[in-house]
C-alpha atoms as a PDB file:
ATOM      1  CA  MET A   1       0.013  -0.088  -0.030  1.00  0.00           C
ATOM      2  CA  ALA A   2       3.025   2.308  -0.093  1.00  0.00           C
ATOM      3  CA  ASP A   3       1.896   3.426  -3.584  1.00  0.00           C
ATOM      4  CA  SER A   4      -1.170   5.189  -2.121  1.00  0.00           C
ATOM      5  CA  MET A   5       0.878   7.238   0.483  1.00  0.00           C
ATOM      6  CA  PRO A   6       1.152  10.329  -1.510  1.00  0.00           C
ATOM      7  CA  LEU A   7      -2.531  10.353  -2.332  1.00  0.00           C
ATOM      8  CA  ASP A   8      -3.245   9.550   1.446  1.00  0.00           C
ATOM      9  CA  VAL A   9      -1.015  12.418   2.515  1.00  0.00           C
ATOM     10  CA  LEU A  10      -2.617  14.898   0.000  1.00  0.00           C
ATOM     11  CA  SER A  11      -6.026  13.901   1.032  1.00  0.00           C
ATOM     12  CA  ARG A  12      -5.329  14.502   4.680  1.00  0.00           C
ATOM     13  CA  TRP A  13      -3.792  17.893   3.966  1.00  0.00           C
ATOM     14  CA  VAL A  14      -6.847  18.923   1.886  1.00  0.00           C
ATOM     15  CA  HIS A  15      -9.093  17.795   4.697  1.00  0.00           C
ATOM     16  CA  VAL A  16      -7.071  19.579   7.544  1.00  0.00           C
ATOM     17  CA  GLY A  17      -6.367  22.573   5.233  1.00  0.00           C
ATOM     18  CA  THR A  18     -10.041  22.949   4.324  1.00  0.00           C
ATOM     19  CA  ALA A  19     -11.006  22.802   8.115  1.00  0.00           C
ATOM     20  CA  ILE A  20      -8.370  25.499   8.930  1.00  0.00           C
ATOM     21  CA  VAL A  21      -9.760  27.834   6.332  1.00  0.00           C
ATOM     22  CA  ILE A  22     -13.512  27.293   6.916  1.00  0.00           C
ATOM     23  CA  LEU A  23     -13.396  27.109  10.826  1.00  0.00           C
ATOM     24  CA  GLY A  24     -10.890  30.043  10.970  1.00  0.00           C
ATOM     25  CA  GLY A  25     -12.968  32.122   8.573  1.00  0.00           C
ATOM     26  CA  SER A  26     -16.098  31.314  10.699  1.00  0.00           C
ATOM     27  CA  VAL A  27     -14.363  32.416  13.877  1.00  0.00           C
ATOM     28  CA  PHE A  28     -13.232  35.601  12.185  1.00  0.00           C
ATOM     29  CA  LEU A  29     -16.793  36.315  10.838  1.00  0.00           C
ATOM     30  CA  ARG A  30     -18.346  35.655  14.380  1.00  0.00           C
ATOM     31  CA  PHE A  31     -15.975  37.425  16.633  1.00  0.00           C
ATOM     32  CA  VAL A  32     -14.367  40.223  14.540  1.00  0.00           C
ATOM     33  CA  LEU A  33     -16.397  41.193  11.431  1.00  0.00           C
ATOM     34  CA  ILE A  34     -20.042  40.911  12.546  1.00  0.00           C
ATOM     35  CA  PRO A  35     -19.364  42.900  15.759  1.00  0.00           C
ATOM     36  CA  ALA A  36     -17.411  45.447  13.955  1.00  0.00           C
ATOM     37  CA  ALA A  37     -19.876  45.851  11.111  1.00  0.00           C
ATOM     38  CA  GLU A  38     -22.845  46.520  13.722  1.00  0.00           C
ATOM     39  CA  GLY A  39     -21.713  50.161  14.034  1.00  0.00           C
ATOM     40  CA  LEU A  40     -22.282  50.884  10.301  1.00  0.00           C
ATOM     41  CA  PRO A  41     -25.363  52.693   9.028  1.00  0.00           C
ATOM     42  CA  GLU A  42     -27.982  50.224   7.790  1.00  0.00           C
ATOM     43  CA  ASP A  43     -27.321  50.674   3.980  1.00  0.00           C
ATOM     44  CA  GLU A  44     -23.696  50.362   4.393  1.00  0.00           C
ATOM     45  CA  HIS A  45     -24.040  47.249   6.639  1.00  0.00           C
ATOM     46  CA  GLN A  46     -26.295  45.625   4.094  1.00  0.00           C
ATOM     47  CA  ALA A  47     -24.047  46.382   1.245  1.00  0.00           C
ATOM     48  CA  LEU A  48     -21.062  44.922   3.246  1.00  0.00           C
ATOM     49  CA  ARG A  49     -23.049  41.851   4.088  1.00  0.00           C
ATOM     50  CA  ASP A  50     -24.148  41.197   0.555  1.00  0.00           C
ATOM     51  CA  ARG A  51     -20.600  41.487  -0.877  1.00  0.00           C
ATOM     52  CA  LEU A  52     -19.263  39.459   2.134  1.00  0.00           C
ATOM     53  CA  LEU A  53     -21.689  36.564   1.545  1.00  0.00           C
ATOM     54  CA  ALA A  54     -21.004  36.525  -2.176  1.00  0.00           C
ATOM     55  CA  ARG A  55     -17.401  35.802  -1.604  1.00  0.00           C
ATOM     56  CA  TRP A  56     -17.722  33.647   1.521  1.00  0.00           C
ATOM     57  CA  ARG A  57     -20.491  31.476  -0.232  1.00  0.00           C
ATOM     58  CA  ARG A  58     -17.731  30.200  -2.689  1.00  0.00           C
ATOM     59  CA  PHE A  59     -15.485  29.286   0.250  1.00  0.00           C
ATOM     60  CA  VAL A  60     -18.223  27.454   1.883  1.00  0.00           C
ATOM     61  CA  PHE A  61     -19.479  25.483  -0.852  1.00  0.00           C
ATOM     62  CA  ALA A  62     -15.977  24.648  -2.241  1.00  0.00           C
ATOM     63  CA  GLY A  63     -15.095  23.663   1.428  1.00  0.00           C
ATOM     64  CA  ILE A  64     -17.972  21.227   1.721  1.00  0.00           C
ATOM     65  CA  ALA A  65     -17.156  19.636  -1.625  1.00  0.00           C
ATOM     66  CA  LEU A  66     -13.487  19.292  -0.416  1.00  0.00           C
ATOM     67  CA  PHE A  67     -14.464  17.800   2.857  1.00  0.00           C
ATOM     68  CA  LEU A  68     -16.874  15.408   1.308  1.00  0.00           C
ATOM     69  CA  LEU A  69     -14.279  14.014  -1.245  1.00  0.00           C
ATOM     70  CA  SER A  70     -11.331  13.944   1.090  1.00  0.00           C
ATOM     71  CA  GLY A  71     -13.324  12.747   3.928  1.00  0.00           C
ATOM     72  CA  LEU A  72     -14.765   9.849   1.980  1.00  0.00           C
ATOM     73  CA  TYR A  73     -11.360   9.069   0.775  1.00  0.00           C
ATOM     74  CA  ASN A  74      -9.756   9.177   3.988  1.00  0.00           C
ATOM     75  CA  TYR A  75     -12.490   7.021   5.639  1.00  0.00           C
ATOM     76  CA  LEU A  76     -12.551   4.264   2.862  1.00  0.00           C
ATOM     77  CA  ALA A  77      -8.894   4.042   1.900  1.00  0.00           C
ATOM     78  CA  VAL A  78      -7.181   4.789   5.150  1.00  0.00           C
ATOM     79  CA  SER A  79      -9.346   4.487   8.242  1.00  0.00           C
ATOM     80  CA  LEU A  80     -11.620   1.619   7.434  1.00  0.00           C
ATOM     81  CA  PRO A  81      -8.851  -0.874   6.546  1.00  0.00           C
ATOM     82  CA  ARG A  82      -6.988   0.115   9.848  1.00  0.00           C
ATOM     83  CA  HIS A  83     -10.014   0.115  12.160  1.00  0.00           C
ATOM     84  CA  ARG A  84     -11.918  -2.861  10.804  1.00  0.00           C
ATOM     85  CA  GLY A  85     -14.296  -4.284  13.472  1.00  0.00           C
ATOM     86  CA  ASP A  86     -13.439  -1.464  15.959  1.00  0.00           C
ATOM     87  CA  GLY A  87     -16.980  -0.505  17.227  1.00  0.00           C
ATOM     88  CA  LEU A  88     -15.913   2.445  19.337  1.00  0.00           C
ATOM     89  CA  TYR A  89     -13.996   3.996  16.287  1.00  0.00           C
ATOM     90  CA  HIS A  90     -16.731   3.593  13.880  1.00  0.00           C
ATOM     91  CA  GLY A  91     -19.455   4.862  16.286  1.00  0.00           C
ATOM     92  CA  LEU A  92     -17.360   7.986  16.943  1.00  0.00           C
ATOM     93  CA  MET A  93     -16.628   8.277  13.257  1.00  0.00           C
ATOM     94  CA  GLY A  94     -20.473   8.175  12.635  1.00  0.00           C
ATOM     95  CA  LEU A  95     -21.059  10.884  15.157  1.00  0.00           C
ATOM     96  CA  LYS A  96     -18.467  13.057  13.448  1.00  0.00           C
ATOM     97  CA  ILE A  97     -20.055  12.481  10.204  1.00  0.00           C
ATOM     98  CA  LEU A  98     -23.505  13.411  11.639  1.00  0.00           C
ATOM     99  CA  LEU A  99     -22.188  16.527  13.239  1.00  0.00           C
ATOM    100  CA  ALA A 100     -20.339  17.453   9.892  1.00  0.00           C
ATOM    101  CA  LEU A 101     -23.730  17.067   8.044  1.00  0.00           C
ATOM    102  CA  ALA A 102     -25.170  19.511  10.638  1.00  0.00           C
ATOM    103  CA  VAL A 103     -22.397  21.992  10.171  1.00  0.00           C
ATOM    104  CA  PHE A 104     -22.746  21.786   6.216  1.00  0.00           C
ATOM    105  CA  PHE A 105     -26.373  22.484   6.642  1.00  0.00           C
ATOM    106  CA  LEU A 106     -25.915  25.492   8.888  1.00  0.00           C
ATOM    107  CA  ALA A 107     -22.966  26.845   6.874  1.00  0.00           C
ATOM    108  CA  SER A 108     -25.059  26.500   3.531  1.00  0.00           C
ATOM    109  CA  ALA A 109     -27.946  28.198   5.345  1.00  0.00           C
ATOM    110  CA  LEU A 110     -25.911  31.072   6.603  1.00  0.00           C
ATOM    111  CA  ALA A 111     -23.967  31.676   3.371  1.00  0.00           C
ATOM    112  CA  GLY A 112     -26.718  30.811   0.950  1.00  0.00           C
ATOM    113  CA  ARG A 113     -29.456  32.945  -0.732  1.00  0.00           C
ATOM    114  CA  SER A 114     -32.492  30.808  -0.132  1.00  0.00           C
ATOM    115  CA  LYS A 115     -35.588  32.835   1.281  1.00  0.00           C
ATOM    116  CA  ALA A 116     -36.507  29.745   3.295  1.00  0.00           C
ATOM    117  CA  PHE A 117     -33.343  30.367   5.523  1.00  0.00           C
ATOM    118  CA  GLU A 118     -33.567  34.090   5.944  1.00  0.00           C
ATOM    119  CA  GLY A 119     -34.419  33.613   9.573  1.00  0.00           C
ATOM    120  CA  ILE A 120     -31.161  31.758  10.212  1.00  0.00           C
ATOM    121  CA  ARG A 121     -29.194  34.446   8.372  1.00  0.00           C
ATOM    122  CA  ARG A 122     -30.851  37.130  10.506  1.00  0.00           C
ATOM    123  CA  ALA A 123     -29.841  35.336  13.697  1.00  0.00           C
ATOM    124  CA  ASN A 124     -26.431  34.880  12.290  1.00  0.00           C
ATOM    125  CA  ARG A 125     -24.602  35.545  15.556  1.00  0.00           C
ATOM    126  CA  ASN A 126     -26.371  32.709  17.174  1.00  0.00           C
ATOM    127  CA  TRP A 127     -26.268  30.058  14.524  1.00  0.00           C
ATOM    128  CA  LEU A 128     -22.633  30.846  13.641  1.00  0.00           C
ATOM    129  CA  SER A 129     -21.933  30.272  17.182  1.00  0.00           C
ATOM    130  CA  VAL A 130     -23.726  26.845  17.079  1.00  0.00           C
ATOM    131  CA  THR A 131     -21.906  26.057  13.936  1.00  0.00           C
ATOM    132  CA  LEU A 132     -18.510  26.923  15.633  1.00  0.00           C
ATOM    133  CA  VAL A 133     -19.360  24.695  18.672  1.00  0.00           C
ATOM    134  CA  LEU A 134     -20.214  21.713  16.394  1.00  0.00           C
ATOM    135  CA  GLY A 135     -17.172  22.443  14.306  1.00  0.00           C
ATOM    136  CA  PHE A 136     -14.807  22.424  17.384  1.00  0.00           C
ATOM    137  CA  ALA A 137     -16.449  19.182  18.591  1.00  0.00           C
ATOM    138  CA  ILE A 138     -15.775  17.632  15.222  1.00  0.00           C
ATOM    139  CA  VAL A 139     -11.929  18.820  15.603  1.00  0.00           C
ATOM    140  CA  ALA A 140     -11.851  17.199  19.068  1.00  0.00           C
ATOM    141  CA  LEU A 141     -13.483  14.013  17.889  1.00  0.00           C
ATOM    142  CA  SER A 142     -10.998  14.019  14.899  1.00  0.00           C
ATOM    143  CA  GLY A 143      -8.015  14.445  17.157  1.00  0.00           C
ATOM    144  CA  PHE A 144      -9.143  11.546  19.327  1.00  0.00           C
ATOM    145  CA  LEU A 145      -9.786   9.297  16.332  1.00  0.00           C
ATOM    146  CA  LYS A 146      -6.406  10.137  14.724  1.00  0.00           C
ATOM    147  CA  VAL A 147      -4.632   8.828  17.703  1.00  0.00           C
ATOM    148  CA  ALA A 148      -6.821   5.981  18.530  1.00  0.00           C
ATOM    149  CA  ARG A 149      -4.894   2.880  18.078  1.00  0.00           C
ATOM    150  CA  PRO A 150      -6.629   0.225  15.739  1.00  0.00           C
ATOM    151  CA  GLY A 151      -8.271  -2.427  17.789  1.00  0.00           C
ATOM    152  CA  ALA A 152      -6.894  -1.136  21.103  1.00  0.00           C
ATOM    153  CA  SER A 153      -8.887  -1.885  24.099  1.00  0.00           C
ATOM    154  CA  PRO A 154      -7.980  -1.579  27.778  1.00  0.00           C
ATOM    155  CA  PRO A 155      -6.943  -4.876  29.371  1.00  0.00           C
ATOM    156  CA  PRO A 156      -9.572  -6.587  31.580  1.00  0.00           C
ATOM    157  CA  ALA A 157      -9.580  -5.353  35.171  1.00  0.00           C
ATOM    158  CA  SER A 158      -8.517  -8.723  36.550  1.00  0.00           C
ATOM    159  CA  SER A 159      -5.424  -9.029  34.281  1.00  0.00           C
ATOM    160  CA  ALA A 160      -2.083  -7.359  35.281  1.00  0.00           C
ATOM    161  CA  PRO A 161       0.854  -7.060  33.032  1.00  0.00           C
ATOM    162  CA  SER A 162       3.029 -10.247  33.490  1.00  0.00           C
ATOM    163  CA  SER A 163       6.342  -8.382  32.962  1.00  0.00           C
ATOM    164  CA  ALA A 164       8.112  -5.072  33.835  1.00  0.00           C
ATOM    165  CA  GLU A 165       6.986  -3.578  30.586  1.00  0.00           C
ATOM    166  CA  PRO A 166       4.409  -0.687  30.786  1.00  0.00           C
ATOM    167  CA  PRO A 167       0.941  -1.576  29.620  1.00  0.00           C
ATOM    168  CA  GLY A 168       0.473  -1.343  25.882  1.00  0.00           C
ATOM    169  CA  THR A 169       3.952  -2.287  24.995  1.00  0.00           C
ATOM    170  CA  PRO A 170       4.126  -4.745  22.107  1.00  0.00           C
ATOM    171  CA  SER A 171       4.909  -8.338  23.164  1.00  0.00           C
ATOM    172  CA  ALA A 172       8.246  -9.705  22.086  1.00  0.00           C
ATOM    173  CA  GLU A 173       6.865 -13.028  21.423  1.00  0.00           C
ATOM    174  CA  PRO A 174       6.826 -14.256  17.884  1.00  0.00           C
ATOM    175  CA  LEU A 175       3.534 -14.258  16.003  1.00  0.00           C
ATOM    176  CA  GLY A 176       2.616 -17.495  14.883  1.00  0.00           C
END
């Protein structure tokens, strides 16, 4: 599988890089731009909002596409083979995917033009805050999933290590 390593690395970079851009941009919008723009006269505020959303919308929709493509590849080609049969891993991955779908919906509603979601856009501070909390929860889950050892589970409470090696140290016994 060494042949796929460059693609695996590229896909990971795309996924993490997209998260940095989208999450960082959302933090900037919520905590810097929105509060700063509140002092503008209404016509200037609306003009700025329209210009901003026209540009941000492209980042959001491209980001969602990149997340879906790189995430699907990362899961099927990298994670699934390493974590086959690991119920905790796949349960948490499922939670991460559900949270990501909620973020995609909210980000699309906030950046989009649909009249059906105008209420979400009017309450953009609140919904952007919810989106950020979900986004940071996804980052936290991702960090845990990235370091979770495939198939690792704690030893039963009644068993103690039989040697001086710390728990989790691979056995020196030959496999066979």
